[in-house]
Amino acid sequence: MILNCYKILKQIEHSPAMWTGKATLYNIHSYISGYYQALLDNKIVQKIHTDEPFFNWVAIKLGYNESTAGWENMILADCMGFKPENTKWEEIITSPVTGEQHLKSINFFYELLEQFKNDIENHD
């Protein structure tokens, strides 16, 4: 899914608030989830599998045991200074996030996106 949205993600990268209403990973995630659903609904792409490989890739990259929290939460938690080994998602999700942490998480997301894309392309 994430690579199906790569082109639009690259457009969003430089002005996320203009595209999503607010410069946060949550908003970017919501935007591309809706965009991807529109691609599916209009038969522009076909859903090949139910798992999104980017979730597991981010979990492994950041040291999480599982990816159920979602890539946006794992990346934001990392940028907020939380460590995977003692993660309490309820605490992370309810913690205040500074504007600086949101921007840091967006930049980190785009770094990870490029790494993921390169990994996928090099394995094909």
PDB file of N, CA and C in Angstrom:
ATOM      1  N   MET A   1       0.816  -1.188   0.000  1.00  0.00           N
ATOM      2  CA  MET A   1       0.000   0.000   0.000  1.00  0.00           C
ATOM      3  C   MET A   1       0.862   1.255   0.000  1.00  0.00           C
ATOM      4  N   ILE A   2       1.876   1.297   0.845  1.00  0.00           N
ATOM      5  CA  ILE A   2       2.671   2.510   0.975  1.00  0.00           C
ATOM      6  C   ILE A   2       3.354   2.867  -0.345  1.00  0.00           C
ATOM      7  N   LEU A   3       3.820   1.856  -1.071  1.00  0.00           N
ATOM      8  CA  LEU A   3       4.486   2.143  -2.334  1.00  0.00           C
ATOM      9  C   LEU A   3       3.493   2.514  -3.434  1.00  0.00           C
ATOM     10  N   ASN A   4       2.235   2.058  -3.330  1.00  0.00           N
ATOM     11  CA  ASN A   4       1.200   2.497  -4.265  1.00  0.00           C
ATOM     12  C   ASN A   4       0.936   3.993  -4.108  1.00  0.00           C
ATOM     13  N   CYS A   5       1.235   4.520  -2.939  1.00  0.00           N
ATOM     14  CA  CYS A   5       0.989   5.930  -2.635  1.00  0.00           C
ATOM     15  C   CYS A   5       2.272   6.759  -2.679  1.00  0.00           C
ATOM     16  N   TYR A   6       3.350   6.164  -3.164  1.00  0.00           N
ATOM     17  CA  TYR A   6       4.662   6.827  -3.127  1.00  0.00           C
ATOM     18  C   TYR A   6       4.644   8.182  -3.830  1.00  0.00           C
ATOM     19  N   LYS A   7       4.076   8.235  -5.008  1.00  0.00           N
ATOM     20  CA  LYS A   7       4.081   9.490  -5.777  1.00  0.00           C
ATOM     21  C   LYS A   7       3.372  10.613  -5.011  1.00  0.00           C
ATOM     22  N   ILE A   8       2.216  10.324  -4.451  1.00  0.00           N
ATOM     23  CA  ILE A   8       1.484  11.352  -3.704  1.00  0.00           C
ATOM     24  C   ILE A   8       2.209  11.686  -2.392  1.00  0.00           C
ATOM     25  N   LEU A   9       2.836  10.685  -1.789  1.00  0.00           N
ATOM     26  CA  LEU A   9       3.605  10.943  -0.565  1.00  0.00           C
ATOM     27  C   LEU A   9       4.756  11.912  -0.840  1.00  0.00           C
ATOM     28  N   LYS A  10       5.394  11.769  -1.988  1.00  0.00           N
ATOM     29  CA  LYS A  10       6.485  12.682  -2.339  1.00  0.00           C
ATOM     30  C   LYS A  10       5.957  14.101  -2.561  1.00  0.00           C
ATOM     31  N   GLN A  11       4.750  14.229  -3.064  1.00  0.00           N
ATOM     32  CA  GLN A  11       4.154  15.557  -3.213  1.00  0.00           C
ATOM     33  C   GLN A  11       3.826  16.155  -1.852  1.00  0.00           C
ATOM     34  N   ILE A  12       3.351  15.319  -0.944  1.00  0.00           N
ATOM     35  CA  ILE A  12       2.979  15.759   0.406  1.00  0.00           C
ATOM     36  C   ILE A  12       4.211  16.177   1.213  1.00  0.00           C
ATOM     37  N   GLU A  13       5.334  15.549   0.929  1.00  0.00           N
ATOM     38  CA  GLU A  13       6.550  15.707   1.747  1.00  0.00           C
ATOM     39  C   GLU A  13       6.915  17.158   2.028  1.00  0.00           C
ATOM     40  N   HIS A  14       6.819  18.018   1.061  1.00  0.00           N
ATOM     41  CA  HIS A  14       7.306  19.388   1.229  1.00  0.00           C
ATOM     42  C   HIS A  14       6.286  20.348   1.834  1.00  0.00           C
ATOM     43  N   SER A  15       5.018  19.963   1.833  1.00  0.00           N
ATOM     44  CA  SER A  15       3.971  20.814   2.422  1.00  0.00           C
ATOM     45  C   SER A  15       2.875  19.942   3.021  1.00  0.00           C
ATOM     46  N   PRO A  16       3.185  19.158   4.067  1.00  0.00           N
ATOM     47  CA  PRO A  16       2.189  18.223   4.589  1.00  0.00           C
ATOM     48  C   PRO A  16       0.911  18.881   5.095  1.00  0.00           C
ATOM     49  N   ALA A  17       1.018  20.033   5.714  1.00  0.00           N
ATOM     50  CA  ALA A  17      -0.182  20.695   6.251  1.00  0.00           C
ATOM     51  C   ALA A  17      -1.113  21.146   5.125  1.00  0.00           C
ATOM     52  N   MET A  18      -0.540  21.540   3.995  1.00  0.00           N
ATOM     53  CA  MET A  18      -1.370  21.955   2.865  1.00  0.00           C
ATOM     54  C   MET A  18      -2.207  20.773   2.351  1.00  0.00           C
ATOM     55  N   TRP A  19      -1.627  19.591   2.346  1.00  0.00           N
ATOM     56  CA  TRP A  19      -2.309  18.402   1.827  1.00  0.00           C
ATOM     57  C   TRP A  19      -3.231  17.764   2.851  1.00  0.00           C
ATOM     58  N   THR A  20      -2.818  17.772   4.118  1.00  0.00           N
ATOM     59  CA  THR A  20      -3.519  16.970   5.125  1.00  0.00           C
ATOM     60  C   THR A  20      -4.209  17.787   6.202  1.00  0.00           C
ATOM     61  N   GLY A  21      -4.041  19.090   6.185  1.00  0.00           N
ATOM     62  CA  GLY A  21      -4.684  19.938   7.186  1.00  0.00           C
ATOM     63  C   GLY A  21      -3.810  20.235   8.383  1.00  0.00           C
ATOM     64  N   LYS A  22      -2.888  19.337   8.689  1.00  0.00           N
ATOM     65  CA  LYS A  22      -1.998  19.517   9.836  1.00  0.00           C
ATOM     66  C   LYS A  22      -0.758  18.668   9.593  1.00  0.00           C
ATOM     67  N   ALA A  23       0.396  19.200   9.940  1.00  0.00           N
ATOM     68  CA  ALA A  23       1.659  18.498   9.702  1.00  0.00           C
ATOM     69  C   ALA A  23       1.929  17.478  10.811  1.00  0.00           C
ATOM     70  N   THR A  24       1.240  16.332  10.714  1.00  0.00           N
ATOM     71  CA  THR A  24       1.471  15.230  11.649  1.00  0.00           C
ATOM     72  C   THR A  24       1.472  13.918  10.872  1.00  0.00           C
ATOM     73  N   LEU A  25       2.123  12.913  11.428  1.00  0.00           N
ATOM     74  CA  LEU A  25       2.087  11.586  10.805  1.00  0.00           C
ATOM     75  C   LEU A  25       0.678  11.022  10.809  1.00  0.00           C
ATOM     76  N   TYR A  26      -0.096  11.310  11.847  1.00  0.00           N
ATOM     77  CA  TYR A  26      -1.476  10.822  11.899  1.00  0.00           C
ATOM     78  C   TYR A  26      -2.265  11.331  10.695  1.00  0.00           C
ATOM     79  N   ASN A  27      -2.094  12.610  10.392  1.00  0.00           N
ATOM     80  CA  ASN A  27      -2.817  13.186   9.258  1.00  0.00           C
ATOM     81  C   ASN A  27      -2.316  12.619   7.932  1.00  0.00           C
ATOM     82  N   ILE A  28      -1.010  12.429   7.810  1.00  0.00           N
ATOM     83  CA  ILE A  28      -0.463  11.842   6.593  1.00  0.00           C
ATOM     84  C   ILE A  28      -0.984  10.417   6.439  1.00  0.00           C
ATOM     85  N   HIS A  29      -0.976   9.654   7.522  1.00  0.00           N
ATOM     86  CA  HIS A  29      -1.476   8.281   7.478  1.00  0.00           C
ATOM     87  C   HIS A  29      -2.945   8.249   7.069  1.00  0.00           C
ATOM     88  N   SER A  30      -3.753   9.098   7.658  1.00  0.00           N
ATOM     89  CA  SER A  30      -5.180   9.152   7.318  1.00  0.00           C
ATOM     90  C   SER A  30      -5.376   9.527   5.858  1.00  0.00           C
ATOM     91  N   TYR A  31      -4.619  10.501   5.397  1.00  0.00           N
ATOM     92  CA  TYR A  31      -4.736  10.956   4.016  1.00  0.00           C
ATOM     93  C   TYR A  31      -4.410   9.825   3.046  1.00  0.00           C
ATOM     94  N   ILE A  32      -3.265   9.155   3.256  1.00  0.00           N
ATOM     95  CA  ILE A  32      -2.888   8.125   2.289  1.00  0.00           C
ATOM     96  C   ILE A  32      -3.750   6.872   2.423  1.00  0.00           C
ATOM     97  N   SER A  33      -4.300   6.629   3.596  1.00  0.00           N
ATOM     98  CA  SER A  33      -5.238   5.508   3.729  1.00  0.00           C
ATOM     99  C   SER A  33      -6.474   5.759   2.887  1.00  0.00           C
ATOM    100  N   GLY A  34      -6.983   6.972   2.925  1.00  0.00           N
ATOM    101  CA  GLY A  34      -8.125   7.336   2.094  1.00  0.00           C
ATOM    102  C   GLY A  34      -7.777   7.334   0.621  1.00  0.00           C
ATOM    103  N   TYR A  35      -6.600   7.817   0.296  1.00  0.00           N
ATOM    104  CA  TYR A  35      -6.137   7.828  -1.089  1.00  0.00           C
ATOM    105  C   TYR A  35      -6.034   6.403  -1.626  1.00  0.00           C
ATOM    106  N   TYR A  36      -5.443   5.520  -0.826  1.00  0.00           N
ATOM    107  CA  TYR A  36      -5.305   4.127  -1.240  1.00  0.00           C
ATOM    108  C   TYR A  36      -6.670   3.462  -1.406  1.00  0.00           C
ATOM    109  N   GLN A  37      -7.595   3.752  -0.499  1.00  0.00           N
ATOM    110  CA  GLN A  37      -8.942   3.196  -0.622  1.00  0.00           C
ATOM    111  C   GLN A  37      -9.599   3.661  -1.918  1.00  0.00           C
ATOM    112  N   ALA A  38      -9.366   4.908  -2.290  1.00  0.00           N
ATOM    113  CA  ALA A  38      -9.907   5.416  -3.555  1.00  0.00           C
ATOM    114  C   ALA A  38      -9.282   4.685  -4.742  1.00  0.00           C
ATOM    115  N   LEU A  39      -7.991   4.383  -4.668  1.00  0.00           N
ATOM    116  CA  LEU A  39      -7.338   3.608  -5.724  1.00  0.00           C
ATOM    117  C   LEU A  39      -7.977   2.230  -5.853  1.00  0.00           C
ATOM    118  N   LEU A  40      -8.258   1.602  -4.703  1.00  0.00           N
ATOM    119  CA  LEU A  40      -8.916   0.285  -4.714  1.00  0.00           C
ATOM    120  C   LEU A  40     -10.333   0.382  -5.263  1.00  0.00           C
ATOM    121  N   ASP A  41     -11.099   1.340  -4.762  1.00  0.00           N
ATOM    122  CA  ASP A  41     -12.502   1.492  -5.170  1.00  0.00           C
ATOM    123  C   ASP A  41     -12.641   1.743  -6.664  1.00  0.00           C
ATOM    124  N   ASN A  42     -11.685   2.448  -7.226  1.00  0.00           N
ATOM    125  CA  ASN A  42     -11.738   2.779  -8.642  1.00  0.00           C
ATOM    126  C   ASN A  42     -10.945   1.799  -9.503  1.00  0.00           C
ATOM    127  N   LYS A  43     -10.551   0.692  -8.879  1.00  0.00           N
ATOM    128  CA  LYS A  43      -9.843  -0.396  -9.570  1.00  0.00           C
ATOM    129  C   LYS A  43      -8.571   0.070 -10.273  1.00  0.00           C
ATOM    130  N   ILE A  44      -7.923   1.063  -9.687  1.00  0.00           N
ATOM    131  CA  ILE A  44      -6.640   1.545 -10.203  1.00  0.00           C
ATOM    132  C   ILE A  44      -5.521   0.621  -9.726  1.00  0.00           C
ATOM    133  N   VAL A  45      -5.667   0.082  -8.524  1.00  0.00           N
ATOM    134  CA  VAL A  45      -4.769  -0.947  -8.002  1.00  0.00           C
ATOM    135  C   VAL A  45      -5.627  -2.081  -7.472  1.00  0.00           C
ATOM    136  N   GLN A  46      -5.031  -3.249  -7.378  1.00  0.00           N
ATOM    137  CA  GLN A  46      -5.706  -4.391  -6.773  1.00  0.00           C
ATOM    138  C   GLN A  46      -5.002  -4.728  -5.468  1.00  0.00           C
ATOM    139  N   LYS A  47      -5.791  -5.040  -4.470  1.00  0.00           N
ATOM    140  CA  LYS A  47      -5.226  -5.440  -3.188  1.00  0.00           C
ATOM    141  C   LYS A  47      -4.651  -6.843  -3.353  1.00  0.00           C
ATOM    142  N   ILE A  48      -3.341  -6.949  -3.200  1.00  0.00           N
ATOM    143  CA  ILE A  48      -2.661  -8.213  -3.412  1.00  0.00           C
ATOM    144  C   ILE A  48      -2.608  -9.038  -2.128  1.00  0.00           C
ATOM    145  N   HIS A  49      -2.430  -8.377  -1.014  1.00  0.00           N
ATOM    146  CA  HIS A  49      -2.341  -9.069   0.268  1.00  0.00           C
ATOM    147  C   HIS A  49      -2.954  -8.202   1.352  1.00  0.00           C
ATOM    148  N   THR A  50      -3.205  -8.808   2.491  1.00  0.00           N
ATOM    149  CA  THR A  50      -3.845  -8.064   3.574  1.00  0.00           C
ATOM    150  C   THR A  50      -2.832  -7.369   4.479  1.00  0.00           C
ATOM    151  N   ASP A  51      -1.619  -7.849   4.517  1.00  0.00           N
ATOM    152  CA  ASP A  51      -0.600  -7.230   5.364  1.00  0.00           C
ATOM    153  C   ASP A  51       0.135  -6.141   4.602  1.00  0.00           C
ATOM    154  N   GLU A  52       0.408  -5.075   5.280  1.00  0.00           N
ATOM    155  CA  GLU A  52       1.215  -3.998   4.702  1.00  0.00           C
ATOM    156  C   GLU A  52       2.660  -4.231   5.142  1.00  0.00           C
ATOM    157  N   PRO A  53       3.551  -4.564   4.209  1.00  0.00           N
ATOM    158  CA  PRO A  53       4.937  -4.877   4.583  1.00  0.00           C
ATOM    159  C   PRO A  53       5.652  -3.729   5.292  1.00  0.00           C
ATOM    160  N   PHE A  54       5.248  -2.500   5.023  1.00  0.00           N
ATOM    161  CA  PHE A  54       5.908  -1.356   5.651  1.00  0.00           C
ATOM    162  C   PHE A  54       5.760  -1.393   7.168  1.00  0.00           C
ATOM    163  N   PHE A  55       4.600  -1.857   7.682  1.00  0.00           N
ATOM    164  CA  PHE A  55       4.386  -1.955   9.128  1.00  0.00           C
ATOM    165  C   PHE A  55       5.466  -2.823   9.770  1.00  0.00           C
ATOM    166  N   ASN A  56       5.629  -4.034   9.248  1.00  0.00           N
ATOM    167  CA  ASN A  56       6.607  -4.956   9.825  1.00  0.00           C
ATOM    168  C   ASN A  56       8.031  -4.477   9.608  1.00  0.00           C
ATOM    169  N   TRP A  57       8.292  -3.883   8.462  1.00  0.00           N
ATOM    170  CA  TRP A  57       9.628  -3.366   8.167  1.00  0.00           C
ATOM    171  C   TRP A  57      10.006  -2.286   9.184  1.00  0.00           C
ATOM    172  N   VAL A  58       9.079  -1.354   9.459  1.00  0.00           N
ATOM    173  CA  VAL A  58       9.340  -0.290  10.443  1.00  0.00           C
ATOM    174  C   VAL A  58       9.536  -0.903  11.833  1.00  0.00           C
ATOM    175  N   ALA A  59       8.698  -1.864  12.191  1.00  0.00           N
ATOM    176  CA  ALA A  59       8.827  -2.502  13.513  1.00  0.00           C
ATOM    177  C   ALA A  59      10.212  -3.109  13.685  1.00  0.00           C
ATOM    178  N   ILE A  60      10.667  -3.844  12.695  1.00  0.00           N
ATOM    179  CA  ILE A  60      11.988  -4.471  12.765  1.00  0.00           C
ATOM    180  C   ILE A  60      13.072  -3.406  12.802  1.00  0.00           C
ATOM    181  N   LYS A  61      12.959  -2.425  11.946  1.00  0.00           N
ATOM    182  CA  LYS A  61      13.965  -1.347  11.859  1.00  0.00           C
ATOM    183  C   LYS A  61      14.109  -0.599  13.188  1.00  0.00           C
ATOM    184  N   LEU A  62      12.984  -0.381  13.876  1.00  0.00           N
ATOM    185  CA  LEU A  62      13.013   0.390  15.126  1.00  0.00           C
ATOM    186  C   LEU A  62      13.124  -0.478  16.373  1.00  0.00           C
ATOM    187  N   GLY A  63      13.092  -1.804  16.203  1.00  0.00           N
ATOM    188  CA  GLY A  63      13.299  -2.708  17.338  1.00  0.00           C
ATOM    189  C   GLY A  63      12.051  -3.138  18.075  1.00  0.00           C
ATOM    190  N   TYR A  64      10.882  -3.026  17.436  1.00  0.00           N
ATOM    191  CA  TYR A  64       9.638  -3.468  18.076  1.00  0.00           C
ATOM    192  C   TYR A  64       9.398  -4.947  17.801  1.00  0.00           C
ATOM    193  N   ASN A  65       8.733  -5.618  18.733  1.00  0.00           N
ATOM    194  CA  ASN A  65       8.419  -7.038  18.584  1.00  0.00           C
ATOM    195  C   ASN A  65       7.252  -7.287  17.636  1.00  0.00           C
ATOM    196  N   GLU A  66       6.411  -6.300  17.471  1.00  0.00           N
ATOM    197  CA  GLU A  66       5.240  -6.435  16.595  1.00  0.00           C
ATOM    198  C   GLU A  66       4.908  -5.075  16.010  1.00  0.00           C
ATOM    199  N   SER A  67       4.041  -5.090  14.997  1.00  0.00           N
ATOM    200  CA  SER A  67       3.741  -3.850  14.281  1.00  0.00           C
ATOM    201  C   SER A  67       2.302  -3.387  14.459  1.00  0.00           C
ATOM    202  N   THR A  68       1.591  -3.956  15.410  1.00  0.00           N
ATOM    203  CA  THR A  68       0.164  -3.666  15.536  1.00  0.00           C
ATOM    204  C   THR A  68      -0.142  -2.207  15.888  1.00  0.00           C
ATOM    205  N   ALA A  69       0.824  -1.498  16.425  1.00  0.00           N
ATOM    206  CA  ALA A  69       0.598  -0.088  16.762  1.00  0.00           C
ATOM    207  C   ALA A  69       0.536   0.788  15.521  1.00  0.00           C
ATOM    208  N   GLY A  70       1.054   0.293  14.402  1.00  0.00           N
ATOM    209  CA  GLY A  70       1.070   1.067  13.163  1.00  0.00           C
ATOM    210  C   GLY A  70       2.361   1.844  13.005  1.00  0.00           C
ATOM    211  N   TRP A  71       2.743   2.024  11.754  1.00  0.00           N
ATOM    212  CA  TRP A  71       4.017   2.699  11.483  1.00  0.00           C
ATOM    213  C   TRP A  71       4.041   4.117  12.022  1.00  0.00           C
ATOM    214  N   GLU A  72       2.922   4.819  11.947  1.00  0.00           N
ATOM    215  CA  GLU A  72       2.910   6.212  12.404  1.00  0.00           C
ATOM    216  C   GLU A  72       3.164   6.321  13.906  1.00  0.00           C
ATOM    217  N   ASN A  73       2.613   5.398  14.692  1.00  0.00           N
ATOM    218  CA  ASN A  73       2.826   5.413  16.140  1.00  0.00           C
ATOM    219  C   ASN A  73       4.248   4.997  16.507  1.00  0.00           C
ATOM    220  N   MET A  74       4.782   3.995  15.805  1.00  0.00           N
ATOM    221  CA  MET A  74       6.150   3.556  16.101  1.00  0.00           C
ATOM    222  C   MET A  74       7.159   4.651  15.787  1.00  0.00           C
ATOM    223  N   ILE A  75       6.984   5.313  14.647  1.00  0.00           N
ATOM    224  CA  ILE A  75       7.911   6.383  14.264  1.00  0.00           C
ATOM    225  C   ILE A  75       7.795   7.561  15.221  1.00  0.00           C
ATOM    226  N   LEU A  76       6.580   7.960  15.540  1.00  0.00           N
ATOM    227  CA  LEU A  76       6.388   9.083  16.465  1.00  0.00           C
ATOM    228  C   LEU A  76       6.950   8.751  17.842  1.00  0.00           C
ATOM    229  N   ALA A  77       6.711   7.542  18.334  1.00  0.00           N
ATOM    230  CA  ALA A  77       7.247   7.135  19.641  1.00  0.00           C
ATOM    231  C   ALA A  77       8.764   7.236  19.644  1.00  0.00           C
ATOM    232  N   ASP A  78       9.392   6.793  18.573  1.00  0.00           N
ATOM    233  CA  ASP A  78      10.846   6.876  18.464  1.00  0.00           C
ATOM    234  C   ASP A  78      11.301   8.327  18.535  1.00  0.00           C
ATOM    235  N   CYS A  79      10.623   9.206  17.824  1.00  0.00           N
ATOM    236  CA  CYS A  79      10.991  10.620  17.795  1.00  0.00           C
ATOM    237  C   CYS A  79      10.688  11.339  19.108  1.00  0.00           C
ATOM    238  N   MET A  80       9.823  10.743  19.919  1.00  0.00           N
ATOM    239  CA  MET A  80       9.518  11.312  21.235  1.00  0.00           C
ATOM    240  C   MET A  80      10.466  10.782  22.308  1.00  0.00           C
ATOM    241  N   GLY A  81      11.334   9.838  21.918  1.00  0.00           N
ATOM    242  CA  GLY A  81      12.326   9.309  22.855  1.00  0.00           C
ATOM    243  C   GLY A  81      11.911   8.048  23.579  1.00  0.00           C
ATOM    244  N   PHE A  82      10.784   7.469  23.218  1.00  0.00           N
ATOM    245  CA  PHE A  82      10.361   6.212  23.836  1.00  0.00           C
ATOM    246  C   PHE A  82      11.157   5.062  23.243  1.00  0.00           C
ATOM    247  N   LYS A  83      11.469   4.093  24.070  1.00  0.00           N
ATOM    248  CA  LYS A  83      12.247   2.926  23.647  1.00  0.00           C
ATOM    249  C   LYS A  83      11.322   1.733  23.439  1.00  0.00           C
ATOM    250  N   PRO A  84      11.599   0.914  22.419  1.00  0.00           N
ATOM    251  CA  PRO A  84      10.726  -0.231  22.113  1.00  0.00           C
ATOM    252  C   PRO A  84      10.605  -1.243  23.250  1.00  0.00           C
ATOM    253  N   GLU A  85      11.667  -1.438  24.003  1.00  0.00           N
ATOM    254  CA  GLU A  85      11.648  -2.487  25.019  1.00  0.00           C
ATOM    255  C   GLU A  85      10.703  -2.207  26.188  1.00  0.00           C
ATOM    256  N   ASN A  86      10.364  -0.978  26.438  1.00  0.00           N
ATOM    257  CA  ASN A  86       9.441  -0.687  27.535  1.00  0.00           C
ATOM    258  C   ASN A  86       8.269   0.175  27.075  1.00  0.00           C
ATOM    259  N   THR A  87       7.800  -0.100  25.877  1.00  0.00           N
ATOM    260  CA  THR A  87       6.718   0.680  25.294  1.00  0.00           C
ATOM    261  C   THR A  87       5.380   0.349  25.941  1.00  0.00           C
ATOM    262  N   LYS A  88       4.700   1.393  26.366  1.00  0.00           N
ATOM    263  CA  LYS A  88       3.319   1.307  26.839  1.00  0.00           C
ATOM    264  C   LYS A  88       2.527   2.242  25.935  1.00  0.00           C
ATOM    265  N   TRP A  89       1.832   1.657  24.951  1.00  0.00           N
ATOM    266  CA  TRP A  89       1.181   2.461  23.919  1.00  0.00           C
ATOM    267  C   TRP A  89       0.163   3.431  24.484  1.00  0.00           C
ATOM    268  N   GLU A  90      -0.531   3.044  25.553  1.00  0.00           N
ATOM    269  CA  GLU A  90      -1.512   3.959  26.149  1.00  0.00           C
ATOM    270  C   GLU A  90      -0.815   5.240  26.613  1.00  0.00           C
ATOM    271  N   GLU A  91       0.368   5.091  27.178  1.00  0.00           N
ATOM    272  CA  GLU A  91       1.134   6.238  27.652  1.00  0.00           C
ATOM    273  C   GLU A  91       1.614   7.093  26.478  1.00  0.00           C
ATOM    274  N   ILE A  92       2.090   6.437  25.452  1.00  0.00           N
ATOM    275  CA  ILE A  92       2.613   7.164  24.289  1.00  0.00           C
ATOM    276  C   ILE A  92       1.494   7.924  23.583  1.00  0.00           C
ATOM    277  N   ILE A  93       0.390   7.260  23.352  1.00  0.00           N
ATOM    278  CA  ILE A  93      -0.705   7.864  22.593  1.00  0.00           C
ATOM    279  C   ILE A  93      -1.318   9.053  23.334  1.00  0.00           C
ATOM    280  N   THR A  94      -1.285   9.021  24.653  1.00  0.00           N
ATOM    281  CA  THR A  94      -1.865  10.125  25.425  1.00  0.00           C
ATOM    282  C   THR A  94      -0.833  11.195  25.806  1.00  0.00           C
ATOM    283  N   SER A  95       0.427  10.988  25.469  1.00  0.00           N
ATOM    284  CA  SER A  95       1.467  11.978  25.779  1.00  0.00           C
ATOM    285  C   SER A  95       1.351  13.171  24.842  1.00  0.00           C
ATOM    286  N   PRO A  96       1.596  14.361  25.361  1.00  0.00           N
ATOM    287  CA  PRO A  96       1.575  15.533  24.482  1.00  0.00           C
ATOM    288  C   PRO A  96       2.748  15.469  23.495  1.00  0.00           C
ATOM    289  N   VAL A  97       2.498  15.918  22.287  1.00  0.00           N
ATOM    290  CA  VAL A  97       3.519  15.909  21.244  1.00  0.00           C
ATOM    291  C   VAL A  97       3.785  17.351  20.826  1.00  0.00           C
ATOM    292  N   THR A  98       5.046  17.731  20.819  1.00  0.00           N
ATOM    293  CA  THR A  98       5.402  19.090  20.420  1.00  0.00           C
ATOM    294  C   THR A  98       5.403  19.200  18.898  1.00  0.00           C
ATOM    295  N   GLY A  99       5.311  20.407  18.412  1.00  0.00           N
ATOM    296  CA  GLY A  99       5.404  20.647  16.979  1.00  0.00           C
ATOM    297  C   GLY A  99       6.729  20.151  16.425  1.00  0.00           C
ATOM    298  N   GLU A 100       7.788  20.343  17.193  1.00  0.00           N
ATOM    299  CA  GLU A 100       9.115  19.881  16.783  1.00  0.00           C
ATOM    300  C   GLU A 100       9.148  18.353  16.643  1.00  0.00           C
ATOM    301  N   GLN A 101       8.515  17.642  17.575  1.00  0.00           N
ATOM    302  CA  GLN A 101       8.461  16.178  17.498  1.00  0.00           C
ATOM    303  C   GLN A 101       7.646  15.722  16.288  1.00  0.00           C
ATOM    304  N   HIS A 102       6.564  16.420  15.986  1.00  0.00           N
ATOM    305  CA  HIS A 102       5.776  16.075  14.799  1.00  0.00           C
ATOM    306  C   HIS A 102       6.623  16.242  13.536  1.00  0.00           C
ATOM    307  N   LEU A 103       7.324  17.359  13.423  1.00  0.00           N
ATOM    308  CA  LEU A 103       8.154  17.590  12.239  1.00  0.00           C
ATOM    309  C   LEU A 103       9.299  16.581  12.157  1.00  0.00           C
ATOM    310  N   LYS A 104       9.902  16.274  13.295  1.00  0.00           N
ATOM    311  CA  LYS A 104      10.970  15.273  13.330  1.00  0.00           C
ATOM    312  C   LYS A 104      10.435  13.911  12.863  1.00  0.00           C
ATOM    313  N   SER A 105       9.241  13.551  13.305  1.00  0.00           N
ATOM    314  CA  SER A 105       8.667  12.259  12.921  1.00  0.00           C
ATOM    315  C   SER A 105       8.333  12.221  11.427  1.00  0.00           C
ATOM    316  N   ILE A 106       7.892  13.328  10.880  1.00  0.00           N
ATOM    317  CA  ILE A 106       7.609  13.386   9.439  1.00  0.00           C
ATOM    318  C   ILE A 106       8.897  13.211   8.642  1.00  0.00           C
ATOM    319  N   ASN A 107       9.938  13.930   9.040  1.00  0.00           N
ATOM    320  CA  ASN A 107      11.227  13.798   8.355  1.00  0.00           C
ATOM    321  C   ASN A 107      11.762  12.369   8.461  1.00  0.00           C
ATOM    322  N   PHE A 108      11.641  11.780   9.632  1.00  0.00           N
ATOM    323  CA  PHE A 108      12.106  10.408   9.845  1.00  0.00           C
ATOM    324  C   PHE A 108      11.285   9.432   9.007  1.00  0.00           C
ATOM    325  N   PHE A 109       9.979   9.645   8.932  1.00  0.00           N
ATOM    326  CA  PHE A 109       9.127   8.814   8.089  1.00  0.00           C
ATOM    327  C   PHE A 109       9.623   8.816   6.649  1.00  0.00           C
ATOM    328  N   TYR A 110       9.932   9.986   6.121  1.00  0.00           N
ATOM    329  CA  TYR A 110      10.382  10.060   4.739  1.00  0.00           C
ATOM    330  C   TYR A 110      11.746   9.408   4.538  1.00  0.00           C
ATOM    331  N   GLU A 111      12.615   9.480   5.540  1.00  0.00           N
ATOM    332  CA  GLU A 111      13.887   8.743   5.473  1.00  0.00           C
ATOM    333  C   GLU A 111      13.617   7.239   5.419  1.00  0.00           C
ATOM    334  N   LEU A 112      12.739   6.775   6.298  1.00  0.00           N
ATOM    335  CA  LEU A 112      12.399   5.348   6.330  1.00  0.00           C
ATOM    336  C   LEU A 112      11.708   4.907   5.040  1.00  0.00           C
ATOM    337  N   LEU A 113      10.836   5.744   4.508  1.00  0.00           N
ATOM    338  CA  LEU A 113      10.143   5.426   3.269  1.00  0.00           C
ATOM    339  C   LEU A 113      11.148   5.178   2.142  1.00  0.00           C
ATOM    340  N   GLU A 114      12.151   6.034   2.032  1.00  0.00           N
ATOM    341  CA  GLU A 114      13.169   5.869   0.984  1.00  0.00           C
ATOM    342  C   GLU A 114      13.975   4.588   1.215  1.00  0.00           C
ATOM    343  N   GLN A 115      14.326   4.314   2.461  1.00  0.00           N
ATOM    344  CA  GLN A 115      15.057   3.082   2.765  1.00  0.00           C
ATOM    345  C   GLN A 115      14.222   1.857   2.409  1.00  0.00           C
ATOM    346  N   PHE A 116      12.938   1.888   2.771  1.00  0.00           N
ATOM    347  CA  PHE A 116      12.035   0.778   2.479  1.00  0.00           C
ATOM    348  C   PHE A 116      11.914   0.574   0.968  1.00  0.00           C
ATOM    349  N   LYS A 117      11.704   1.648   0.243  1.00  0.00           N
ATOM    350  CA  LYS A 117      11.583   1.573  -1.218  1.00  0.00           C
ATOM    351  C   LYS A 117      12.842   0.958  -1.817  1.00  0.00           C
ATOM    352  N   ASN A 118      14.013   1.412  -1.355  1.00  0.00           N
ATOM    353  CA  ASN A 118      15.275   0.875  -1.863  1.00  0.00           C
ATOM    354  C   ASN A 118      15.413  -0.604  -1.513  1.00  0.00           C
ATOM    355  N   ASP A 119      15.047  -0.988  -0.308  1.00  0.00           N
ATOM    356  CA  ASP A 119      15.106  -2.402   0.096  1.00  0.00           C
ATOM    357  C   ASP A 119      14.218  -3.264  -0.797  1.00  0.00           C
ATOM    358  N   ILE A 120      12.985  -2.795  -1.046  1.00  0.00           N
ATOM    359  CA  ILE A 120      12.044  -3.551  -1.890  1.00  0.00           C
ATOM    360  C   ILE A 120      12.582  -3.657  -3.317  1.00  0.00           C
ATOM    361  N   GLU A 121      13.063  -2.563  -3.851  1.00  0.00           N
ATOM    362  CA  GLU A 121      13.572  -2.578  -5.222  1.00  0.00           C
ATOM    363  C   GLU A 121      14.812  -3.455  -5.373  1.00  0.00           C
ATOM    364  N   ASN A 122      15.640  -3.517  -4.339  1.00  0.00           N
ATOM    365  CA  ASN A 122      16.855  -4.316  -4.401  1.00  0.00           C
ATOM    366  C   ASN A 122      16.584  -5.797  -4.210  1.00  0.00           C
ATOM    367  N   HIS A 123      15.408  -6.153  -3.689  1.00  0.00           N
ATOM    368  CA  HIS A 123      15.041  -7.565  -3.505  1.00  0.00           C
ATOM    369  C   HIS A 123      14.280  -8.125  -4.691  1.00  0.00           C
ATOM    370  N   ASP A 124      13.828  -7.260  -5.594  1.00  0.00           N
ATOM    371  CA  ASP A 124      13.075  -7.737  -6.768  1.00  0.00           C
ATOM    372  C   ASP A 124      13.992  -8.103  -7.903  1.00  0.00           C
TER     373      ASP A 124
END
